[in-house]
């Protein structure tokens, strides 16, 4: 799930959480709530096709 938060310094950011509640990743701080939502939409759109590069 995605959660949107208001930053203490102003702006908005999001977390992506697993089903067990563990935070998987977080975003940068966006200037508007709509920009944060746009970031979520971009991740949803791109993630299914995102390649994995093993750099080990």
C-alpha atoms as a PDB file:
ATOM      1  CA  UNK A   1       0.000   0.000   0.000  1.00  0.00           C
ATOM      2  CA  UNK A   2       1.017   3.609  -0.441  1.00  0.00           C
ATOM      3  CA  UNK A   3       0.671   6.183   2.341  1.00  0.00           C
ATOM      4  CA  UNK A   4       0.947   9.944   1.826  1.00  0.00           C
ATOM      5  CA  UNK A   5       2.314  12.109   4.643  1.00  0.00           C
ATOM      6  CA  UNK A   6       2.728  15.825   5.213  1.00  0.00           C
ATOM      7  CA  UNK A   7       6.383  16.701   5.854  1.00  0.00           C
ATOM      8  CA  UNK A   8       7.224  18.770   8.930  1.00  0.00           C
ATOM      9  CA  UNK A   9       9.236  21.101   6.710  1.00  0.00           C
ATOM     10  CA  UNK A  10       6.307  21.493   4.312  1.00  0.00           C
ATOM     11  CA  UNK A  11       5.392  19.446   1.276  1.00  0.00           C
ATOM     12  CA  UNK A  12       4.344  15.824   0.991  1.00  0.00           C
ATOM     13  CA  UNK A  13       6.001  12.426   0.676  1.00  0.00           C
ATOM     14  CA  UNK A  14       4.915   8.802   0.444  1.00  0.00           C
ATOM     15  CA  UNK A  15       5.882   5.372   1.728  1.00  0.00           C
ATOM     16  CA  UNK A  16       5.301   2.074  -0.026  1.00  0.00           C
ATOM     17  CA  UNK A  17       4.531  -0.631   2.525  1.00  0.00           C
ATOM     18  CA  UNK A  18       4.376  -4.422   2.259  1.00  0.00           C
ATOM     19  CA  UNK A  19       1.352  -6.428   3.408  1.00  0.00           C
ATOM     20  CA  UNK A  20       3.060  -6.977   6.776  1.00  0.00           C
ATOM     21  CA  UNK A  21       3.377  -3.197   7.293  1.00  0.00           C
ATOM     22  CA  UNK A  22       7.117  -3.044   6.644  1.00  0.00           C
ATOM     23  CA  UNK A  23       8.235   0.080   4.798  1.00  0.00           C
ATOM     24  CA  UNK A  24       9.761  -0.923   1.467  1.00  0.00           C
ATOM     25  CA  UNK A  25      10.680   2.522   0.154  1.00  0.00           C
ATOM     26  CA  UNK A  26       9.933   6.214   0.475  1.00  0.00           C
ATOM     27  CA  UNK A  27       9.791   9.152  -1.860  1.00  0.00           C
ATOM     28  CA  UNK A  28      11.412  12.518  -2.017  1.00  0.00           C
ATOM     29  CA  UNK A  29       9.484  15.471  -0.561  1.00  0.00           C
ATOM     30  CA  UNK A  30       7.144  16.962  -3.140  1.00  0.00           C
ATOM     31  CA  UNK A  31       5.917  20.553  -3.016  1.00  0.00           C
ATOM     32  CA  UNK A  32       2.250  19.608  -3.450  1.00  0.00           C
ATOM     33  CA  UNK A  33       0.037  16.696  -2.525  1.00  0.00           C
ATOM     34  CA  UNK A  34      -0.870  16.283  -6.197  1.00  0.00           C
ATOM     35  CA  UNK A  35       2.812  15.967  -7.089  1.00  0.00           C
ATOM     36  CA  UNK A  36       3.165  13.209  -4.461  1.00  0.00           C
ATOM     37  CA  UNK A  37       0.144  11.428  -5.958  1.00  0.00           C
ATOM     38  CA  UNK A  38       1.708  11.793  -9.415  1.00  0.00           C
ATOM     39  CA  UNK A  39       4.861  10.126  -8.042  1.00  0.00           C
ATOM     40  CA  UNK A  40       2.792   7.203  -6.755  1.00  0.00           C
ATOM     41  CA  UNK A  41       1.046   6.920 -10.115  1.00  0.00           C
ATOM     42  CA  UNK A  42       4.429   6.856 -11.878  1.00  0.00           C
ATOM     43  CA  UNK A  43       5.703   4.023  -9.667  1.00  0.00           C
ATOM     44  CA  UNK A  44       2.518   2.038 -10.265  1.00  0.00           C
ATOM     45  CA  UNK A  45       2.867   2.540 -14.008  1.00  0.00           C
ATOM     46  CA  UNK A  46       6.587   1.741 -14.314  1.00  0.00           C
ATOM     47  CA  UNK A  47       7.225  -0.893 -11.614  1.00  0.00           C
ATOM     48  CA  UNK A  48       5.638  -3.935 -13.319  1.00  0.00           C
ATOM     49  CA  UNK A  49       8.004  -3.524 -16.268  1.00  0.00           C
ATOM     50  CA  UNK A  50      11.079  -2.337 -14.360  1.00  0.00           C
ATOM     51  CA  UNK A  51      14.116  -4.520 -15.012  1.00  0.00           C
ATOM     52  CA  UNK A  52      16.289  -5.830 -12.172  1.00  0.00           C
ATOM     53  CA  UNK A  53      20.040  -5.368 -12.511  1.00  0.00           C
ATOM     54  CA  UNK A  54      22.120  -7.601 -10.252  1.00  0.00           C
ATOM     55  CA  UNK A  55      25.292  -5.611  -9.661  1.00  0.00           C
ATOM     56  CA  UNK A  56      26.885  -7.989  -7.198  1.00  0.00           C
END
